[in-house]
C-alpha cells in the first residue's frame, strides 16, 4: 500500500482483515497524481466556497509542501474531497483517467468513502446517529471534527432521494455528530480556551450544518433538524474566515490546486456571502416555514414582535423580515448577472456563483411564502380574490427571477459548479411556470426551459427526480388557470367589480426585468393592498431590480 507522504497513516489499531477489506474495495487507493490535482482544484474552486468546512490554507500547505515535515491530512477527508470534486471537474480529466461518464466516476469515488464510513453497519437500521460510532469501532478515523467534515461533504452527493445514499442521511449524521461534539455551544460558555484556528473551524462547521439543514428544508419542505433554541453560537462574521496565506509553499505551488491564488477581495466576498446566507437561513422557520418561534430572539431579528391576533401575522412577519434582509444587503452581495470578466483562471467563478445561489435561495423563500399563503387546495379560503391574485403575482415574480438567474448560470455552463440544492429551487420555479394560463404557454415554457437546462446539466452528477412527477400541474393546486376565473366570480358576488389595477394581463404578462411587474404593483390602490395585507412590505427594490 503506497500513499502520498502527506496522507496521515491509518490508525494502528486496525486489524489485518479489516485492512484487507478496505484494500479490496479500493478505499485506500488514490487515482493518478494528475487526476488528484484536477479533483482538488475543482473542490477548492467550486465546492469549498459553498461549504467552507476545512481550513483551506492548512490543507493546501499540507499537499503542496516539499519538505515532507508539514502536518498531514486524513485519508478519509482527502478521499471525500476528491469525491466532491468529481461533481464539477472537467469531464476530459475523468475520461483521460479511464472513466466513461461523470456518474460512473462519482460512484467509484463515493464508494471509497462509504466503505470506510459504513463498514460493519450494512445490516443495522439504527439511523444516521450511529454511522460515525461504527466508524470509530472500525478504527478508521478517530478525529470527530474530521468525521463531521466528511459527512457534510457526503451530504452534497445527492445519489438517491431516500435511504443511505440520500443527502438527508449524511446531513442528519453530520448534525448528530455536531451536537455530540458540542459545536452548538459557544466555547467560552464551556470554559474552553481554544486556538483561534480551532475556534474558526468549529464555528464554520456549525454554521455549515445549520445552513445546509435550512436550505434542504427550503427546497424540499423537509422539517429541519436544528431548532432555534438548540444552540447559543453567535452569528458568523468575516473574522471566522482565515486570511489566505502561503505558509511553507509559494504561490506557484498553490496555483496548481487553486485558481483564486489568494485573492484578498475574493476571499472577503466569499466570507460576506456566507454570512449573508446565514442571516437569510435564520429567517426560515424549522417547522412549517411560516411560523417562527414566538419567543426566540437572535442578533438583528426579534421574533417576539407583537402582531395582530389573526392567522395572517406569521406570513406578514416573515415577509417583513425577508424584505428587510433584501433591502439591507451590502452592495457586493446584491445580485447582478454573471459577466465574462468575472470568470477567473480556468473559468473559476466562485464569487459570482455564490452570489447567484444566495439570491436563488432568497427568491425561493419568497416563492414559498406566497405559495404557502395561497394554501394547499382551492377550498382553502385566504380572503378576497384581490389577495389571491396579488399573492400569485408575487409568487410568479419570484419564480421568474429564479428562472433568469438560472439562465445566467447556464449561459456560462456553470451548472455543475452550482450548489446541488439549487435543483430543488429550479424545479419549484418550473412547476409555477407550468401552472400559468394556457394563453401564455410560450412564456411559461421559455421560463421553464431556462431552469430545465441547468437541471439537465446537473443531472450529469446528481440524482434528479422525475420531471413528470415534479413539473406537471396538480389539479388540486390553486394554479392560475382555474383560480383566476373562479376567484374573480366569487369576488364579484361578494364585493362587486375586481379592481382594474390588477387586471389579468397585469397579473401574468410581466417582464421580470422589472418594469411591467413594478408598474402592476405601482398602479394598485396601495390602501386596498394594505387593507388585505396589514403591515405588507412590498419591496420596491426586489420588484424593480433588473436582472
Protein backbone atom coordinates (compact mmCIF):
# COMPACT_ATOMS: atom_id res chain seq x y z
CA UNK A 1 0.00 0.00 0.00
CA UNK A 2 1.66 3.21 -1.20
CA UNK A 3 0.14 6.57 -0.29
CA UNK A 4 1.45 10.13 -0.75
CA UNK A 5 3.63 11.33 2.10
CA UNK A 6 1.08 13.99 3.13
CA UNK A 7 -1.58 11.37 3.99
CA UNK A 8 -1.79 10.57 7.68
CA UNK A 9 -1.14 6.84 8.31
CA UNK A 10 -4.16 4.71 9.18
CA UNK A 11 -4.78 4.02 12.84
CA UNK A 12 -2.53 1.28 14.17
CA UNK A 13 -5.45 -0.46 15.83
CA UNK A 14 -6.98 -1.54 12.52
CA UNK A 15 -6.73 -5.32 12.14
CA UNK A 16 -5.43 -7.22 9.13
CA UNK A 17 -8.82 -8.49 7.97
CA UNK A 18 -10.36 -5.03 8.04
CA UNK A 19 -7.39 -3.57 6.22
CA UNK A 20 -7.69 -6.28 3.60
CA UNK A 21 -11.36 -5.44 3.11
CA UNK A 22 -10.53 -1.75 2.65
CA UNK A 23 -7.84 -2.65 0.13
CA UNK A 24 -10.21 -4.91 -1.82
CA UNK A 25 -12.75 -2.08 -2.08
CA UNK A 26 -10.16 0.48 -3.15
CA UNK A 27 -10.79 2.63 -0.06
CA UNK A 28 -7.08 3.25 0.48
CA UNK A 29 -6.09 3.67 -3.16
CA UNK A 30 -5.79 7.00 -4.95
CA UNK A 31 -6.03 7.95 -8.64
CA UNK A 32 -3.14 9.29 -10.68
CA UNK A 33 -1.44 12.43 -9.45
CA UNK A 34 -2.79 14.37 -12.44
CA UNK A 35 -6.40 13.44 -11.60
CA UNK A 36 -5.83 14.14 -7.91
CA UNK A 37 -4.68 17.67 -8.75
CA UNK A 38 -7.66 18.22 -11.05
CA UNK A 39 -10.13 16.98 -8.43
CA UNK A 40 -8.59 19.04 -5.63
CA UNK A 41 -8.65 22.11 -7.86
CA UNK A 42 -12.33 21.52 -8.68
CA UNK A 43 -13.11 21.14 -4.98
CA UNK A 44 -11.23 24.28 -3.92
CA UNK A 45 -12.67 26.42 -6.71
CA UNK A 46 -16.29 25.24 -6.68
CA UNK A 47 -17.22 23.17 -3.60
CA UNK A 48 -15.29 24.81 -0.77
CA UNK A 49 -16.94 28.24 -1.33
CA UNK A 50 -20.39 26.65 -0.76
CA UNK A 51 -19.46 24.88 2.47
CA UNK A 52 -16.10 26.04 3.91
CA UNK A 53 -15.68 23.03 6.20
CA UNK A 54 -11.87 22.83 6.08
CA UNK A 55 -9.01 25.17 6.87
CA UNK A 56 -8.12 25.78 3.24
CA UNK A 57 -4.71 27.33 3.81
CA UNK A 58 -3.71 24.49 6.12
CA UNK A 59 -4.93 21.91 3.61
CA UNK A 60 -3.02 23.49 0.73
CA UNK A 61 0.07 23.76 2.89
CA UNK A 62 -0.12 20.03 3.59
CA UNK A 63 -0.48 18.86 0.00
CA UNK A 64 1.93 21.31 -1.66
CA UNK A 65 4.81 21.37 0.84
CA UNK A 66 8.07 19.90 -0.42
CA UNK A 67 9.92 19.45 2.87
CA UNK A 68 7.82 16.44 3.96
CA UNK A 69 7.55 17.82 7.50
CA UNK A 70 4.25 19.70 7.16
CA UNK A 71 1.11 18.49 9.00
CA UNK A 72 -0.71 15.60 7.36
CA UNK A 73 -4.22 15.11 6.01
CA UNK A 74 -6.67 12.37 6.99
CA UNK A 75 -7.07 9.77 4.23
CA UNK A 76 -10.83 9.73 4.77
CA UNK A 77 -11.06 13.52 4.44
CA UNK A 78 -8.84 13.51 1.36
CA UNK A 79 -10.96 10.81 -0.29
CA UNK A 80 -14.13 12.81 0.45
CA UNK A 81 -12.56 15.94 -1.07
CA UNK A 82 -11.68 14.00 -4.23
CA UNK A 83 -15.22 12.57 -4.36
CA UNK A 84 -16.74 16.05 -4.02
CA UNK A 85 -14.52 17.32 -6.82
CA UNK A 86 -15.88 14.76 -9.28
CA UNK A 87 -19.13 16.77 -9.48
CA UNK A 88 -17.52 19.71 -11.27
CA UNK A 89 -14.11 18.64 -12.58
CA UNK A 90 -13.73 18.81 -16.35
CA UNK A 91 -15.09 15.67 -17.98
CA UNK A 92 -11.92 15.47 -20.08
CA UNK A 93 -9.89 14.88 -16.92
CA UNK A 94 -12.14 12.00 -15.93
CA UNK A 95 -12.11 10.43 -19.40
CA UNK A 96 -8.34 10.69 -19.56
CA UNK A 97 -8.26 8.66 -16.34
CA UNK A 98 -10.45 5.96 -17.91
CA UNK A 99 -13.95 6.93 -16.74
CA UNK A 100 -16.68 6.98 -19.38
CA UNK A 101 -19.17 9.21 -17.54
CA UNK A 102 -19.17 11.60 -14.62
CA UNK A 103 -21.67 9.50 -12.68
CA UNK A 104 -19.54 6.37 -13.01
CA UNK A 105 -16.55 8.26 -11.62
CA UNK A 106 -18.59 9.71 -8.78
CA UNK A 107 -19.93 6.30 -7.85
CA UNK A 108 -16.43 4.86 -7.50
CA UNK A 109 -15.05 7.78 -5.51
CA UNK A 110 -18.08 7.98 -3.22
CA UNK A 111 -17.89 4.24 -2.56
CA UNK A 112 -14.32 4.67 -1.30
CA UNK A 113 -15.62 6.99 1.41
CA UNK A 114 -18.75 4.98 2.20
CA UNK A 115 -16.82 1.75 2.64
CA UNK A 116 -14.91 3.37 5.48
CA UNK A 117 -17.99 5.04 6.94
CA UNK A 118 -20.43 2.18 6.73
CA UNK A 119 -18.31 -0.95 7.10
CA UNK A 120 -19.91 -3.18 9.66
CA UNK A 121 -23.31 -1.44 9.59
CA UNK A 122 -24.84 -2.87 6.44
CA UNK A 123 -27.46 -4.83 8.38
CA UNK A 124 -28.21 -2.24 11.05
CA UNK A 125 -31.12 0.17 10.85
CA UNK A 126 -30.31 2.40 13.81
CA UNK A 127 -30.19 5.59 11.77
CA UNK A 128 -27.55 8.17 10.92
CA UNK A 129 -26.62 8.96 14.51
CA UNK A 130 -24.75 5.64 14.70
CA UNK A 131 -22.83 5.94 11.43
CA UNK A 132 -19.76 7.53 12.94
CA UNK A 133 -19.95 5.45 16.11
CA UNK A 134 -19.38 2.42 13.91
CA UNK A 135 -16.67 4.29 12.08
CA UNK A 136 -14.89 4.66 15.41
CA UNK A 137 -15.44 0.95 16.11
CA UNK A 138 -13.66 0.24 12.85
CA UNK A 139 -10.71 2.44 13.91
CA UNK A 140 -10.56 4.11 10.50
CA UNK A 141 -10.89 7.70 11.72
CA UNK A 142 -10.70 8.83 15.34
CA UNK A 143 -10.96 12.60 14.93
CA UNK A 144 -14.59 13.69 15.37
CA UNK A 145 -14.04 17.01 13.60
CA UNK A 146 -12.79 15.17 10.53
CA UNK A 147 -15.82 12.90 10.65
CA UNK A 148 -18.17 15.91 10.58
CA UNK A 149 -16.26 17.42 7.66
CA UNK A 150 -16.55 14.16 5.72
CA UNK A 151 -20.26 13.74 6.46
CA UNK A 152 -21.03 17.30 5.34
CA UNK A 153 -19.20 16.72 2.07
CA UNK A 154 -21.10 13.44 1.60
CA UNK A 155 -24.39 15.31 2.10
CA UNK A 156 -23.74 17.00 -1.26
CA UNK A 157 -23.64 13.66 -3.08
CA UNK A 158 -27.37 13.59 -4.00
CA UNK A 159 -27.22 9.97 -5.17
CA UNK A 160 -30.75 8.90 -4.24
CA UNK A 161 -33.86 10.63 -2.85
CA UNK A 162 -34.07 8.42 0.25
CA UNK A 163 -32.03 5.82 2.09
CA UNK A 164 -28.34 5.61 2.87
CA UNK A 165 -27.38 7.32 -0.37
CA UNK A 166 -29.54 10.39 0.21
CA UNK A 167 -28.29 13.81 1.24
CA UNK A 168 -30.70 13.68 4.19
CA UNK A 169 -28.97 10.64 5.63
CA UNK A 170 -25.48 12.14 5.61
CA UNK A 171 -26.65 15.57 6.74
CA UNK A 172 -28.54 14.07 9.68
CA UNK A 173 -25.41 12.15 10.65
CA UNK A 174 -23.28 15.30 10.44
CA UNK A 175 -25.71 17.28 12.61
CA UNK A 176 -25.88 14.48 15.17
CA UNK A 177 -22.10 14.45 15.42
CA UNK A 178 -22.01 18.26 15.63
CA UNK A 179 -24.24 18.11 18.70
CA UNK A 180 -22.15 15.28 20.13
CA UNK A 181 -19.02 17.42 19.67
CA UNK A 182 -20.76 20.39 21.35
CA UNK A 183 -20.32 22.58 18.29
CA UNK A 184 -23.72 24.07 19.13
CA UNK A 185 -22.26 25.72 22.26
CA UNK A 186 -20.10 28.80 22.47
CA UNK A 187 -16.68 27.52 23.67
CA UNK A 188 -16.49 30.38 26.17
CA UNK A 189 -19.62 29.09 27.89
CA UNK A 190 -17.97 25.67 28.12
CA UNK A 191 -14.86 27.18 29.66
CA UNK A 192 -12.70 26.16 26.69
CA UNK A 193 -9.66 28.19 25.68
CA UNK A 194 -9.04 27.12 22.09
CA UNK A 195 -6.59 28.37 19.46
CA UNK A 196 -8.05 30.87 17.01
CA UNK A 197 -7.80 28.42 14.10
CA UNK A 198 -9.73 25.79 16.05
CA UNK A 199 -12.40 28.31 17.01
CA UNK A 200 -12.81 29.39 13.40
CA UNK A 201 -13.27 25.89 12.05
CA UNK A 202 -15.65 24.91 14.88
CA UNK A 203 -17.89 27.89 14.19
CA UNK A 204 -17.82 27.35 10.42
CA UNK A 205 -18.65 23.67 10.83
CA UNK A 206 -21.65 24.52 12.98
CA UNK A 207 -22.97 27.15 10.60
CA UNK A 208 -22.40 24.85 7.61
CA UNK A 209 -24.57 22.24 9.36
CA UNK A 210 -27.19 24.88 10.12
CA UNK A 211 -27.27 26.42 6.65
CA UNK A 212 -27.45 23.07 4.86
CA UNK A 213 -30.25 22.00 7.19
CA UNK A 214 -32.26 25.13 6.38
CA UNK A 215 -31.52 25.06 2.64
CA UNK A 216 -32.61 21.42 2.34
CA UNK A 217 -35.82 22.31 4.17
CA UNK A 218 -36.36 25.32 1.93
CA UNK A 219 -36.03 23.26 -1.24
CA UNK A 220 -37.82 20.08 -0.20
CA UNK A 221 -40.21 21.04 2.59
CA UNK A 222 -38.49 18.60 4.92
CA UNK A 223 -38.62 19.52 8.62
CA UNK A 224 -35.31 20.90 9.85
CA UNK A 225 -33.33 19.02 12.48
CA UNK A 226 -31.95 22.10 14.22
CA UNK A 227 -34.26 24.25 16.31
CA UNK A 228 -33.51 27.89 17.07
CA UNK A 229 -33.45 27.05 20.78
CA UNK A 230 -30.86 24.28 20.36
CA UNK A 231 -27.71 26.41 20.21
CA UNK A 232 -26.04 29.56 21.50
CA UNK A 233 -23.37 30.13 18.87
CA UNK A 234 -23.14 33.76 17.79
CA UNK A 235 -23.66 34.70 14.15
CA UNK A 236 -20.66 34.20 11.84
CA UNK A 237 -18.67 37.15 10.59
CA UNK A 238 -15.72 37.76 8.30
CA UNK A 239 -13.25 37.14 11.15
CA UNK A 240 -14.31 33.47 11.13
CA UNK A 241 -12.55 33.03 7.80
CA UNK A 242 -8.79 32.77 7.99
CA UNK A 243 -6.84 35.03 5.62
CA UNK A 244 -5.39 33.12 2.70
CA UNK A 245 -1.72 32.54 3.36
CA UNK A 246 1.23 30.89 1.63
CA UNK A 247 2.91 29.12 4.53
CA UNK A 248 5.56 26.58 3.68
CA UNK A 249 4.84 26.94 -0.02
CA UNK A 250 4.94 29.58 -2.71
CA UNK A 251 2.18 30.97 -4.89
CA UNK A 252 3.25 28.88 -7.87
CA UNK A 253 2.71 25.65 -5.93
CA UNK A 254 -0.70 26.79 -4.71
CA UNK A 255 -1.77 27.79 -8.22
CA UNK A 256 -1.63 24.14 -9.28
CA UNK A 257 -4.56 23.35 -6.99
CA UNK A 258 -6.30 26.70 -6.51
CA UNK A 259 -7.42 29.22 -9.11
CA UNK A 260 -8.08 32.06 -6.68
CA UNK A 261 -4.39 32.10 -5.71
CA UNK A 262 -5.06 34.01 -2.51
CA UNK A 263 -7.06 36.97 -3.80
CA UNK A 264 -7.92 39.01 -0.70
CA UNK A 265 -11.02 40.55 -2.28
CA UNK A 266 -12.34 37.20 -3.46
CA UNK A 267 -11.94 35.68 -0.01
CA UNK A 268 -13.62 38.68 1.62
CA UNK A 269 -16.51 38.44 -0.85
CA UNK A 270 -16.96 34.71 -0.20
CA UNK A 271 -16.92 35.31 3.56
CA UNK A 272 -19.50 38.09 3.18
CA UNK A 273 -21.78 35.89 1.07
CA UNK A 274 -21.58 33.06 3.61
CA UNK A 275 -22.55 35.38 6.46
CA UNK A 276 -25.44 36.82 4.43
CA UNK A 277 -26.60 33.30 3.59
CA UNK A 278 -26.63 32.51 7.31
CA UNK A 279 -28.65 35.65 8.04
CA UNK A 280 -31.17 34.54 5.41
CA UNK A 281 -31.32 30.99 6.77
CA UNK A 282 -32.04 32.34 10.25
CA UNK A 283 -35.26 33.80 8.87
CA UNK A 284 -36.56 30.44 7.68
CA UNK A 285 -38.67 28.57 10.17
CA UNK A 286 -37.86 24.99 11.14
CA UNK A 287 -41.45 23.75 11.17
CA UNK A 288 -43.92 24.87 8.55
CA UNK A 289 -41.74 27.71 7.25
CA UNK A 290 -44.19 30.44 8.23
CA UNK A 291 -44.32 30.12 12.00
CA UNK A 292 -41.06 31.06 13.73
CA UNK A 293 -40.86 30.54 17.47
CA UNK A 294 -42.68 33.34 19.25
CA UNK A 295 -40.05 33.56 21.99
CA UNK A 296 -36.83 33.23 20.02
CA UNK A 297 -34.60 36.30 19.74
CA UNK A 298 -31.29 36.48 17.92
CA UNK A 299 -28.95 39.11 16.58
CA UNK A 300 -30.82 41.56 14.40
CA UNK A 301 -34.27 39.92 14.44
CA UNK A 302 -36.75 39.73 17.30
CA UNK A 303 -39.32 37.01 16.65
CA UNK A 304 -41.26 38.15 19.72
CA UNK A 305 -42.67 41.19 17.88
CA UNK A 306 -46.30 41.55 18.84
CA UNK A 307 -48.73 41.34 15.98
CA UNK A 308 -52.47 41.42 15.38
CA UNK A 309 -54.35 38.32 16.56
CA UNK A 310 -55.04 36.84 13.13
CA UNK A 311 -53.78 33.94 11.07
CA UNK A 312 -52.05 36.29 8.62
CA UNK A 313 -49.48 37.51 11.11
CA UNK A 314 -46.79 34.77 10.74
CA UNK A 315 -46.86 35.32 6.98
CA UNK A 316 -46.69 39.11 7.33
CA UNK A 317 -43.85 38.89 9.82
CA UNK A 318 -41.81 36.57 7.61
CA UNK A 319 -42.44 38.73 4.56
CA UNK A 320 -41.39 41.80 6.53
CA UNK A 321 -38.11 40.23 7.68
CA UNK A 322 -37.27 38.85 4.22
CA UNK A 323 -37.87 42.29 2.72
CA UNK A 324 -35.68 43.92 5.35
CA UNK A 325 -32.91 41.40 4.70
CA UNK A 326 -33.02 42.10 0.97
CA UNK A 327 -33.05 45.87 1.38
CA UNK A 328 -30.09 45.80 3.78
CA UNK A 329 -27.81 43.69 1.56
CA UNK A 330 -24.31 45.16 1.13
CA UNK A 331 -23.50 46.31 -2.38
CA UNK A 332 -21.14 43.40 -3.06
CA UNK A 333 -23.85 40.90 -2.13
CA UNK A 334 -26.56 42.36 -4.37
CA UNK A 335 -27.46 40.37 -7.43
CA UNK A 336 -26.05 41.02 -10.87
CA UNK A 337 -25.78 38.74 -13.87
CA UNK A 338 -22.61 36.74 -14.24
CA UNK A 339 -20.30 38.56 -16.62
CA UNK A 340 -17.46 37.11 -18.66
CA UNK A 341 -14.91 39.26 -16.85
CA UNK A 342 -15.95 37.61 -13.55
CA UNK A 343 -14.70 34.24 -14.75
CA UNK A 344 -11.24 33.81 -13.32
CA UNK A 345 -8.47 31.37 -14.15
CA UNK A 346 -9.85 28.24 -15.82
CA UNK A 347 -13.37 29.64 -15.68
CA UNK A 348 -13.49 29.88 -11.88
CA UNK A 349 -16.50 31.99 -10.86
CA UNK A 350 -16.84 31.21 -7.15
CA UNK A 351 -17.98 34.66 -6.07
CA UNK A 352 -20.47 35.09 -8.92
CA UNK A 353 -21.93 31.61 -8.36
CA UNK A 354 -22.27 32.04 -4.60
CA UNK A 355 -23.88 35.43 -5.10
CA UNK A 356 -26.30 33.85 -7.59
CA UNK A 357 -27.10 31.00 -5.21
CA UNK A 358 -27.76 33.45 -2.37
CA UNK A 359 -30.41 35.17 -4.50
CA UNK A 360 -31.82 31.86 -5.70
CA UNK A 361 -32.38 30.96 -2.04
CA UNK A 362 -33.97 34.34 -1.29
CA UNK A 363 -36.36 34.13 -4.24
CA UNK A 364 -37.20 30.55 -3.29
CA UNK A 365 -38.07 31.80 0.20
CA UNK A 366 -40.33 34.46 -1.29
CA UNK A 367 -41.92 31.91 -3.64
CA UNK A 368 -42.58 29.54 -0.73
CA UNK A 369 -44.04 32.33 1.37
CA UNK A 370 -46.62 33.38 -1.22
CA UNK A 371 -47.29 29.80 -2.30
CA UNK A 372 -47.92 28.79 1.31
CA UNK A 373 -50.19 31.80 1.71
CA UNK A 374 -52.31 30.61 -1.20
CA UNK A 375 -52.96 27.36 0.63
CA UNK A 376 -52.81 23.73 -0.38
CA UNK A 377 -56.24 23.39 -2.03
CA UNK A 378 -58.88 25.51 -3.78
CA UNK A 379 -61.13 25.05 -0.74
CA UNK A 380 -58.67 26.93 1.49
CA UNK A 381 -60.09 30.44 1.69
CA UNK A 382 -57.33 33.02 2.18
CA UNK A 383 -59.52 36.07 1.65
CA UNK A 384 -60.58 38.01 -1.40
CA UNK A 385 -59.74 37.31 -4.99
CA UNK A 386 -57.70 40.51 -4.91
CA UNK A 387 -55.47 38.99 -2.24
CA UNK A 388 -55.23 35.70 -4.13
CA UNK A 389 -54.11 37.37 -7.34
CA UNK A 390 -51.65 39.63 -5.51
CA UNK A 391 -50.05 36.51 -4.00
CA UNK A 392 -49.93 34.85 -7.41
CA UNK A 393 -48.35 37.94 -8.94
CA UNK A 394 -45.57 37.99 -6.35
CA UNK A 395 -45.14 34.21 -6.46
CA UNK A 396 -44.68 34.33 -10.23
CA UNK A 397 -42.28 37.24 -9.88
CA UNK A 398 -40.11 35.11 -7.56
CA UNK A 399 -40.29 32.12 -9.93
CA UNK A 400 -39.36 34.34 -12.87
CA UNK A 401 -36.33 35.70 -11.07
CA UNK A 402 -35.18 32.17 -10.28
CA UNK A 403 -35.50 31.33 -13.99
CA UNK A 404 -33.42 34.28 -15.14
CA UNK A 405 -30.73 33.64 -12.54
CA UNK A 406 -30.59 30.08 -13.86
CA UNK A 407 -30.36 31.42 -17.41
CA UNK A 408 -27.31 33.49 -16.46
CA UNK A 409 -25.68 30.43 -14.88
CA UNK A 410 -26.47 28.22 -17.88
CA UNK A 411 -25.13 30.80 -20.33
CA UNK A 412 -21.65 30.25 -18.88
CA UNK A 413 -22.11 26.47 -18.46
CA UNK A 414 -21.61 26.73 -14.70
CA UNK A 415 -24.48 24.47 -13.63
CA UNK A 416 -22.21 21.70 -12.35
CA UNK A 417 -20.41 24.21 -10.12
CA UNK A 418 -23.68 25.32 -8.53
CA UNK A 419 -24.78 24.18 -5.07
CA UNK A 420 -26.81 20.96 -5.69
CA UNK A 421 -29.67 22.33 -3.58
CA UNK A 422 -30.39 24.74 -6.44
CA UNK A 423 -32.01 21.84 -8.32
CA UNK A 424 -34.97 21.95 -5.93
CA UNK A 425 -35.32 25.71 -6.42
CA UNK A 426 -35.34 25.28 -10.20
CA UNK A 427 -37.97 22.53 -10.03
CA UNK A 428 -40.25 24.63 -7.85
CA UNK A 429 -39.95 27.61 -10.19
CA UNK A 430 -40.63 25.41 -13.23
CA UNK A 431 -43.73 23.99 -11.62
CA UNK A 432 -45.06 27.51 -11.04
CA UNK A 433 -44.41 28.45 -14.68
CA UNK A 434 -46.25 25.39 -15.99
CA UNK A 435 -49.33 26.28 -13.95
CA UNK A 436 -49.82 29.60 -15.70
CA UNK A 437 -52.81 30.20 -18.03
CA UNK A 438 -52.97 28.40 -21.36
CA UNK A 439 -52.76 31.62 -23.35
CA UNK A 440 -49.26 32.22 -22.03
CA UNK A 441 -47.89 28.73 -22.71
CA UNK A 442 -44.98 30.14 -24.74
CA UNK A 443 -43.87 32.46 -21.94
CA UNK A 444 -44.23 29.72 -19.35
CA UNK A 445 -42.35 27.21 -21.48
CA UNK A 446 -39.49 29.65 -22.04
CA UNK A 447 -39.06 30.24 -18.33
CA UNK A 448 -39.40 26.53 -17.61
CA UNK A 449 -36.70 25.78 -20.18
CA UNK A 450 -34.31 28.21 -18.50
CA UNK A 451 -34.49 26.10 -15.35
CA UNK A 452 -34.62 22.76 -17.14
CA UNK A 453 -31.34 23.34 -18.97
CA UNK A 454 -29.48 23.81 -15.69
CA UNK A 455 -31.20 20.79 -14.15
CA UNK A 456 -30.25 18.62 -17.11
CA UNK A 457 -26.64 19.74 -16.83
CA UNK A 458 -26.58 18.96 -13.10
CA UNK A 459 -28.08 15.56 -13.87
CA UNK A 460 -24.62 14.52 -15.07
CA UNK A 461 -23.51 14.43 -11.44
CA UNK A 462 -26.59 14.29 -9.23
CA UNK A 463 -29.80 12.33 -8.87
CA UNK A 464 -32.66 14.37 -10.34
CA UNK A 465 -36.27 13.36 -9.56
CA UNK A 466 -38.59 12.60 -12.46
CA UNK A 467 -39.76 15.65 -14.38
CA UNK A 468 -43.22 14.20 -14.79
CA UNK A 469 -43.70 13.98 -11.04
CA UNK A 470 -42.49 17.47 -10.24
CA UNK A 471 -43.40 19.62 -13.22
CA UNK A 472 -46.94 18.51 -14.10
CA UNK A 473 -49.57 20.89 -12.69
CA UNK A 474 -51.67 19.29 -9.98
CA UNK A 475 -55.45 19.58 -10.43
CA UNK A 476 -55.82 20.17 -6.69
CA UNK A 477 -53.39 23.08 -6.58
CA UNK A 478 -54.63 26.67 -6.73
CA UNK A 479 -52.98 27.32 -10.07
CA UNK A 480 -53.66 30.40 -12.11
CA UNK A 481 -55.51 28.50 -14.80
CA UNK A 482 -58.52 27.76 -12.62
CA UNK A 483 -58.17 30.21 -9.71
CA UNK A 484 -58.33 33.28 -11.89
CA UNK A 485 -61.89 32.82 -13.22
CA UNK A 486 -63.39 31.11 -10.17
CA UNK A 487 -61.96 33.60 -7.70
CA UNK A 488 -62.97 36.57 -9.85
CA UNK A 489 -66.56 35.32 -9.90
CA UNK A 490 -66.55 34.76 -6.15
CA UNK A 491 -65.05 38.21 -5.54
CA UNK A 492 -67.62 39.85 -7.82
CA UNK A 493 -70.50 38.16 -5.99
CA UNK A 494 -69.24 39.41 -2.62
CA UNK A 495 -67.58 42.71 -3.39
CA UNK A 496 -68.52 43.92 -6.84
CA UNK A 497 -66.07 44.52 -9.68
CA UNK A 498 -62.45 43.43 -9.27
CA UNK A 499 -60.17 46.49 -9.11
CA UNK A 500 -58.87 47.40 -12.53
CA UNK A 501 -55.40 47.90 -11.02
CA UNK A 502 -54.77 44.14 -11.08
CA UNK A 503 -56.14 43.04 -14.39
CA UNK A 504 -55.39 39.58 -15.72
CA UNK A 505 -52.86 40.99 -18.16
CA UNK A 506 -51.07 42.86 -15.37
CA UNK A 507 -51.09 39.71 -13.27
CA UNK A 508 -49.49 37.41 -15.83
CA UNK A 509 -47.86 39.42 -18.60
CA UNK A 510 -44.96 40.88 -16.67
CA UNK A 511 -41.36 41.38 -17.67
CA UNK A 512 -39.10 40.08 -14.92
CA UNK A 513 -36.51 42.71 -15.79
CA UNK A 514 -38.58 44.93 -13.58
CA UNK A 515 -40.70 47.41 -15.48
CA UNK A 516 -44.06 45.74 -16.09
CA UNK A 517 -44.21 43.97 -12.73
CA UNK A 518 -43.30 47.12 -10.88
CA UNK A 519 -45.95 49.06 -12.81
CA UNK A 520 -48.57 46.45 -11.96
CA UNK A 521 -47.82 46.88 -8.27
CA UNK A 522 -47.40 50.64 -8.57
CA UNK A 523 -50.81 51.08 -10.18
CA UNK A 524 -52.54 49.19 -7.36
CA UNK A 525 -54.51 51.14 -4.83
CA UNK A 526 -52.00 50.74 -2.00
CA UNK A 527 -54.69 51.41 0.60
CA UNK A 528 -56.52 48.34 -0.71
CA UNK A 529 -53.36 46.25 -0.56
CA UNK A 530 -52.61 47.41 2.98
CA UNK A 531 -56.16 46.51 3.93
CA UNK A 532 -55.71 42.98 2.61
CA UNK A 533 -52.20 42.53 3.97
CA UNK A 534 -51.84 44.57 7.19
CA UNK A 535 -48.22 45.57 7.51
CA UNK A 536 -47.36 44.41 3.97
CA UNK A 537 -43.83 45.18 2.86
CA UNK A 538 -43.81 45.05 -0.93
CA UNK A 539 -40.13 45.60 -1.55
CA UNK A 540 -39.72 48.11 -4.34
CA UNK A 541 -36.08 47.13 -4.81
CA UNK A 542 -36.98 43.43 -5.19
CA UNK A 543 -39.81 44.16 -7.61
CA UNK A 544 -37.84 46.69 -9.60
CA UNK A 545 -34.26 45.43 -9.54
CA UNK A 546 -33.18 44.45 -13.07
CA UNK A 547 -31.70 41.02 -13.64
